[in-house]
Amino acid sequence: MTCSSDRDLAPATPDDVTALILRIFRANGALLAAGDQLVDGLGLTSARWQLLGGIADCEEPQSVAQLAREIGVTRQSVQRIANELESEGVIAYRPNPRHKRAQLVELTSHGREVFEKSMTLQRPWAAGLGRKLTSAQVTEVCKTLDALLTTLKEDGDATAGATDADVLPGTG
């Protein structure tokens, strides 16, 4: 029987977390580049695809600001992409009964078709990415990322826990 060491149960060190963050950055860059290639033939980029996925995941239409919060990007970038997609007939704006200026965003029938095609391309690609991973590994990484996201949302401020002496030269 294998037992966990005390190191396995101790909180992650700043160096451990930094190593994780750097790997996430590299993985994000690689996923964006691969995603761009995968959906290029559909007139999409990874950013457009991410927005379509965010819209498709919602049970009810959301405002641009709500979608931005959901997918973790700025409202301005979502607005720019949404305006492009609207001009191409992929999404449509509709009045928001709760807010005059914050219109709701929804996929058009063309947008649903484009998104479904992107997911048809994505499934075999995801299967290929997963060929060297176990289900348990994927589950553990998802739990770890969920915990990291929860901590980020709870802390809110990127400098939480740091003092001026930690981040500003000459103040310590």
C-alpha atoms as a PDB file:
ATOM      1  CA  MET A   1       0.000   0.000   0.000  1.00  0.00           C
ATOM      2  CA  THR A   2       1.268   3.481  -0.869  1.00  0.00           C
ATOM      3  CA  CYS A   3       0.816   6.359   1.536  1.00  0.00           C
ATOM      4  CA  SER A   4       0.899  10.044   0.706  1.00  0.00           C
ATOM      5  CA  SER A   5       3.913  11.896   1.956  1.00  0.00           C
ATOM      6  CA  ASP A   6       3.505  14.995   4.081  1.00  0.00           C
ATOM      7  CA  ARG A   7       4.654  16.976   1.010  1.00  0.00           C
ATOM      8  CA  ASP A   8       1.647  15.681  -0.966  1.00  0.00           C
ATOM      9  CA  LEU A   9      -0.756  17.029   1.659  1.00  0.00           C
ATOM     10  CA  ALA A  10       0.982  20.367   2.273  1.00  0.00           C
ATOM     11  CA  PRO A  11      -0.313  23.511   0.561  1.00  0.00           C
ATOM     12  CA  ALA A  12       1.313  24.200  -2.777  1.00  0.00           C
ATOM     13  CA  THR A  13       4.381  26.430  -2.635  1.00  0.00           C
ATOM     14  CA  PRO A  14       4.585  29.656  -4.650  1.00  0.00           C
ATOM     15  CA  ASP A  15       7.069  27.895  -6.950  1.00  0.00           C
ATOM     16  CA  ASP A  16       4.634  24.984  -7.468  1.00  0.00           C
ATOM     17  CA  VAL A  17       1.815  27.384  -8.341  1.00  0.00           C
ATOM     18  CA  THR A  18       4.070  29.409 -10.650  1.00  0.00           C
ATOM     19  CA  ALA A  19       5.047  26.219 -12.491  1.00  0.00           C
ATOM     20  CA  LEU A  20       1.337  25.376 -12.858  1.00  0.00           C
ATOM     21  CA  ILE A  21       0.504  28.869 -14.147  1.00  0.00           C
ATOM     22  CA  LEU A  22       3.300  28.741 -16.726  1.00  0.00           C
ATOM     23  CA  ARG A  23       2.084  25.341 -17.963  1.00  0.00           C
ATOM     24  CA  ILE A  24      -1.472  26.695 -18.215  1.00  0.00           C
ATOM     25  CA  PHE A  25      -0.201  29.655 -20.268  1.00  0.00           C
ATOM     26  CA  ARG A  26       1.688  27.336 -22.622  1.00  0.00           C
ATOM     27  CA  ALA A  27      -1.268  24.959 -22.922  1.00  0.00           C
ATOM     28  CA  ASN A  28      -3.606  27.894 -23.581  1.00  0.00           C
ATOM     29  CA  GLY A  29      -1.377  29.204 -26.373  1.00  0.00           C
ATOM     30  CA  ALA A  30      -1.088  25.760 -27.955  1.00  0.00           C
ATOM     31  CA  LEU A  31      -4.836  25.145 -27.680  1.00  0.00           C
ATOM     32  CA  LEU A  32      -5.642  28.531 -29.239  1.00  0.00           C
ATOM     33  CA  ALA A  33      -3.271  27.917 -32.153  1.00  0.00           C
ATOM     34  CA  ALA A  34      -4.623  24.408 -32.737  1.00  0.00           C
ATOM     35  CA  GLY A  35      -8.200  25.627 -32.376  1.00  0.00           C
ATOM     36  CA  ASP A  36      -7.586  28.367 -34.942  1.00  0.00           C
ATOM     37  CA  GLN A  37      -6.389  25.735 -37.423  1.00  0.00           C
ATOM     38  CA  LEU A  38      -9.248  23.365 -36.622  1.00  0.00           C
ATOM     39  CA  VAL A  39     -12.097  25.834 -37.240  1.00  0.00           C
ATOM     40  CA  ASP A  40     -10.503  28.109 -39.833  1.00  0.00           C
ATOM     41  CA  GLY A  41     -12.515  26.512 -42.652  1.00  0.00           C
ATOM     42  CA  LEU A  42     -15.726  27.507 -40.846  1.00  0.00           C
ATOM     43  CA  GLY A  43     -14.767  31.189 -40.753  1.00  0.00           C
ATOM     44  CA  LEU A  44     -13.991  30.950 -37.047  1.00  0.00           C
ATOM     45  CA  THR A  45     -11.039  31.642 -34.803  1.00  0.00           C
ATOM     46  CA  SER A  46     -10.572  30.177 -31.346  1.00  0.00           C
ATOM     47  CA  ALA A  47     -11.939  33.427 -29.871  1.00  0.00           C
ATOM     48  CA  ARG A  48     -15.061  33.279 -32.043  1.00  0.00           C
ATOM     49  CA  TRP A  49     -15.472  29.576 -31.306  1.00  0.00           C
ATOM     50  CA  GLN A  50     -15.142  30.205 -27.577  1.00  0.00           C
ATOM     51  CA  LEU A  51     -17.895  32.820 -27.746  1.00  0.00           C
ATOM     52  CA  LEU A  52     -20.177  30.524 -29.752  1.00  0.00           C
ATOM     53  CA  GLY A  53     -19.585  27.822 -27.144  1.00  0.00           C
ATOM     54  CA  GLY A  54     -20.445  30.240 -24.359  1.00  0.00           C
ATOM     55  CA  ILE A  55     -23.668  31.218 -26.100  1.00  0.00           C
ATOM     56  CA  ALA A  56     -24.567  27.589 -26.854  1.00  0.00           C
ATOM     57  CA  ASP A  57     -23.924  26.541 -23.234  1.00  0.00           C
ATOM     58  CA  CYS A  58     -26.410  29.035 -21.819  1.00  0.00           C
ATOM     59  CA  GLU A  59     -29.973  27.900 -21.287  1.00  0.00           C
ATOM     60  CA  GLU A  60     -31.236  31.431 -21.940  1.00  0.00           C
ATOM     61  CA  PRO A  61     -29.774  34.285 -23.989  1.00  0.00           C
ATOM     62  CA  GLN A  62     -27.217  36.375 -22.094  1.00  0.00           C
ATOM     63  CA  SER A  63     -25.917  39.902 -22.446  1.00  0.00           C
ATOM     64  CA  VAL A  64     -22.411  40.573 -23.741  1.00  0.00           C
ATOM     65  CA  ALA A  65     -21.246  41.384 -20.192  1.00  0.00           C
ATOM     66  CA  GLN A  66     -22.699  38.125 -18.839  1.00  0.00           C
ATOM     67  CA  LEU A  67     -21.044  36.122 -21.619  1.00  0.00           C
ATOM     68  CA  ALA A  68     -17.716  37.859 -20.984  1.00  0.00           C
ATOM     69  CA  ARG A  69     -17.847  36.911 -17.304  1.00  0.00           C
ATOM     70  CA  GLU A  70     -18.825  33.337 -18.176  1.00  0.00           C
ATOM     71  CA  ILE A  71     -15.971  32.726 -20.611  1.00  0.00           C
ATOM     72  CA  GLY A  72     -13.425  34.818 -18.719  1.00  0.00           C
ATOM     73  CA  VAL A  73     -12.594  37.581 -21.173  1.00  0.00           C
ATOM     74  CA  THR A  74     -13.248  41.312 -21.340  1.00  0.00           C
ATOM     75  CA  ARG A  75     -16.635  42.710 -22.264  1.00  0.00           C
ATOM     76  CA  GLN A  76     -14.995  44.790 -24.978  1.00  0.00           C
ATOM     77  CA  SER A  77     -13.502  41.771 -26.737  1.00  0.00           C
ATOM     78  CA  VAL A  78     -16.814  39.901 -26.582  1.00  0.00           C
ATOM     79  CA  GLN A  79     -18.614  42.983 -27.932  1.00  0.00           C
ATOM     80  CA  ARG A  80     -16.188  43.294 -30.854  1.00  0.00           C
ATOM     81  CA  ILE A  81     -16.488  39.610 -31.777  1.00  0.00           C
ATOM     82  CA  ALA A  82     -20.259  39.600 -31.278  1.00  0.00           C
ATOM     83  CA  ASN A  83     -20.632  42.577 -33.621  1.00  0.00           C
ATOM     84  CA  GLU A  84     -18.580  40.755 -36.274  1.00  0.00           C
ATOM     85  CA  LEU A  85     -20.615  37.566 -35.851  1.00  0.00           C
ATOM     86  CA  GLU A  86     -23.868  39.512 -36.041  1.00  0.00           C
ATOM     87  CA  SER A  87     -22.819  41.133 -39.319  1.00  0.00           C
ATOM     88  CA  GLU A  88     -22.151  37.610 -40.661  1.00  0.00           C
ATOM     89  CA  GLY A  89     -25.542  36.289 -39.503  1.00  0.00           C
ATOM     90  CA  VAL A  90     -24.044  33.904 -36.914  1.00  0.00           C
ATOM     91  CA  ILE A  91     -25.585  35.567 -33.860  1.00  0.00           C
ATOM     92  CA  ALA A  92     -28.453  37.975 -33.344  1.00  0.00           C
ATOM     93  CA  TYR A  93     -29.193  40.573 -30.721  1.00  0.00           C
ATOM     94  CA  ARG A  94     -32.589  40.753 -29.141  1.00  0.00           C
ATOM     95  CA  PRO A  95     -34.111  43.184 -26.648  1.00  0.00           C
ATOM     96  CA  ASN A  96     -33.382  42.561 -22.984  1.00  0.00           C
ATOM     97  CA  PRO A  97     -36.513  43.045 -20.877  1.00  0.00           C
ATOM     98  CA  ARG A  98     -34.310  43.747 -17.821  1.00  0.00           C
ATOM     99  CA  HIS A  99     -32.030  46.349 -19.396  1.00  0.00           C
ATOM    100  CA  LYS A 100     -32.631  48.743 -22.296  1.00  0.00           C
ATOM    101  CA  ARG A 101     -29.071  48.984 -23.565  1.00  0.00           C
ATOM    102  CA  ALA A 102     -27.660  45.524 -22.729  1.00  0.00           C
ATOM    103  CA  GLN A 103     -29.156  43.449 -25.515  1.00  0.00           C
ATOM    104  CA  LEU A 104     -29.235  39.671 -25.302  1.00  0.00           C
ATOM    105  CA  VAL A 105     -27.141  37.510 -27.628  1.00  0.00           C
ATOM    106  CA  GLU A 106     -28.377  34.318 -29.251  1.00  0.00           C
ATOM    107  CA  LEU A 107     -27.251  32.003 -32.031  1.00  0.00           C
ATOM    108  CA  THR A 108     -29.106  32.209 -35.309  1.00  0.00           C
ATOM    109  CA  SER A 109     -29.962  28.978 -37.136  1.00  0.00           C
ATOM    110  CA  HIS A 110     -26.823  29.584 -39.229  1.00  0.00           C
ATOM    111  CA  GLY A 111     -24.840  30.098 -35.994  1.00  0.00           C
ATOM    112  CA  ARG A 112     -26.140  26.823 -34.525  1.00  0.00           C
ATOM    113  CA  GLU A 113     -25.122  25.063 -37.738  1.00  0.00           C
ATOM    114  CA  VAL A 114     -21.609  26.563 -37.633  1.00  0.00           C
ATOM    115  CA  PHE A 115     -21.236  25.648 -33.958  1.00  0.00           C
ATOM    116  CA  GLU A 116     -22.427  22.072 -34.562  1.00  0.00           C
ATOM    117  CA  LYS A 117     -19.914  21.720 -37.413  1.00  0.00           C
ATOM    118  CA  SER A 118     -17.140  23.015 -35.143  1.00  0.00           C
ATOM    119  CA  MET A 119     -18.048  20.430 -32.517  1.00  0.00           C
ATOM    120  CA  THR A 120     -18.067  17.695 -35.168  1.00  0.00           C
ATOM    121  CA  LEU A 121     -14.460  18.687 -35.922  1.00  0.00           C
ATOM    122  CA  GLN A 122     -13.612  18.991 -32.233  1.00  0.00           C
ATOM    123  CA  ARG A 123     -14.625  15.493 -31.117  1.00  0.00           C
ATOM    124  CA  PRO A 124     -11.980  13.513 -33.042  1.00  0.00           C
ATOM    125  CA  TRP A 125      -9.400  16.196 -32.243  1.00  0.00           C
ATOM    126  CA  ALA A 126     -10.208  15.893 -28.515  1.00  0.00           C
ATOM    127  CA  ALA A 127     -10.031  12.102 -28.781  1.00  0.00           C
ATOM    128  CA  GLY A 128      -6.558  12.437 -30.276  1.00  0.00           C
ATOM    129  CA  LEU A 129      -5.462  14.783 -27.489  1.00  0.00           C
ATOM    130  CA  GLY A 130      -6.747  12.320 -24.922  1.00  0.00           C
ATOM    131  CA  ARG A 131      -5.095   9.215 -26.333  1.00  0.00           C
ATOM    132  CA  LYS A 132      -2.202   9.405 -23.837  1.00  0.00           C
ATOM    133  CA  LEU A 133      -4.318  10.470 -20.846  1.00  0.00           C
ATOM    134  CA  THR A 134      -6.430   8.405 -18.497  1.00  0.00           C
ATOM    135  CA  SER A 135      -9.904   9.421 -17.465  1.00  0.00           C
ATOM    136  CA  ALA A 136      -8.617   9.743 -13.886  1.00  0.00           C
ATOM    137  CA  GLN A 137      -5.881  12.170 -15.003  1.00  0.00           C
ATOM    138  CA  VAL A 138      -8.376  14.353 -16.844  1.00  0.00           C
ATOM    139  CA  THR A 139     -10.732  14.323 -13.859  1.00  0.00           C
ATOM    140  CA  GLU A 140      -7.915  15.313 -11.482  1.00  0.00           C
ATOM    141  CA  VAL A 141      -6.745  18.153 -13.733  1.00  0.00           C
ATOM    142  CA  CYS A 142     -10.333  19.425 -13.999  1.00  0.00           C
ATOM    143  CA  LYS A 143     -10.666  19.367 -10.188  1.00  0.00           C
ATOM    144  CA  THR A 144      -7.360  21.216  -9.830  1.00  0.00           C
ATOM    145  CA  LEU A 145      -8.334  23.876 -12.378  1.00  0.00           C
ATOM    146  CA  ASP A 146     -11.769  24.262 -10.754  1.00  0.00           C
ATOM    147  CA  ALA A 147     -10.076  24.809  -7.370  1.00  0.00           C
ATOM    148  CA  LEU A 148      -7.717  27.369  -8.922  1.00  0.00           C
ATOM    149  CA  LEU A 149     -10.623  29.186 -10.601  1.00  0.00           C
ATOM    150  CA  THR A 150     -12.588  29.224  -7.340  1.00  0.00           C
ATOM    151  CA  THR A 151      -9.616  30.724  -5.503  1.00  0.00           C
ATOM    152  CA  LEU A 152      -9.143  33.336  -8.222  1.00  0.00           C
ATOM    153  CA  LYS A 153     -12.822  34.319  -8.053  1.00  0.00           C
ATOM    154  CA  GLU A 154     -12.789  34.450  -4.255  1.00  0.00           C
ATOM    155  CA  ASP A 155      -9.591  36.507  -4.088  1.00  0.00           C
ATOM    156  CA  GLY A 156     -10.533  38.800  -6.953  1.00  0.00           C
ATOM    157  CA  ASP A 157      -7.373  40.890  -6.632  1.00  0.00           C
ATOM    158  CA  ALA A 158      -4.203  39.548  -8.241  1.00  0.00           C
ATOM    159  CA  THR A 159      -2.126  41.089  -5.453  1.00  0.00           C
ATOM    160  CA  ALA A 160      -4.163  39.513  -2.615  1.00  0.00           C
ATOM    161  CA  GLY A 161      -1.825  38.491   0.156  1.00  0.00           C
ATOM    162  CA  ALA A 162       1.074  40.572  -1.156  1.00  0.00           C
ATOM    163  CA  THR A 163       2.324  43.650   0.665  1.00  0.00           C
ATOM    164  CA  ASP A 164       3.805  46.767  -0.941  1.00  0.00           C
ATOM    165  CA  ALA A 165       7.222  45.493   0.152  1.00  0.00           C
ATOM    166  CA  ASP A 166       6.581  42.282  -1.805  1.00  0.00           C
ATOM    167  CA  VAL A 167       5.667  43.984  -5.076  1.00  0.00           C
ATOM    168  CA  LEU A 168       7.211  47.461  -5.053  1.00  0.00           C
ATOM    169  CA  PRO A 169      10.986  47.890  -5.080  1.00  0.00           C
ATOM    170  CA  GLY A 170      12.370  50.072  -2.332  1.00  0.00           C
ATOM    171  CA  THR A 171       9.326  49.844  -0.031  1.00  0.00           C
ATOM    172  CA  GLY A 172      10.542  47.035   2.233  1.00  0.00           C
END
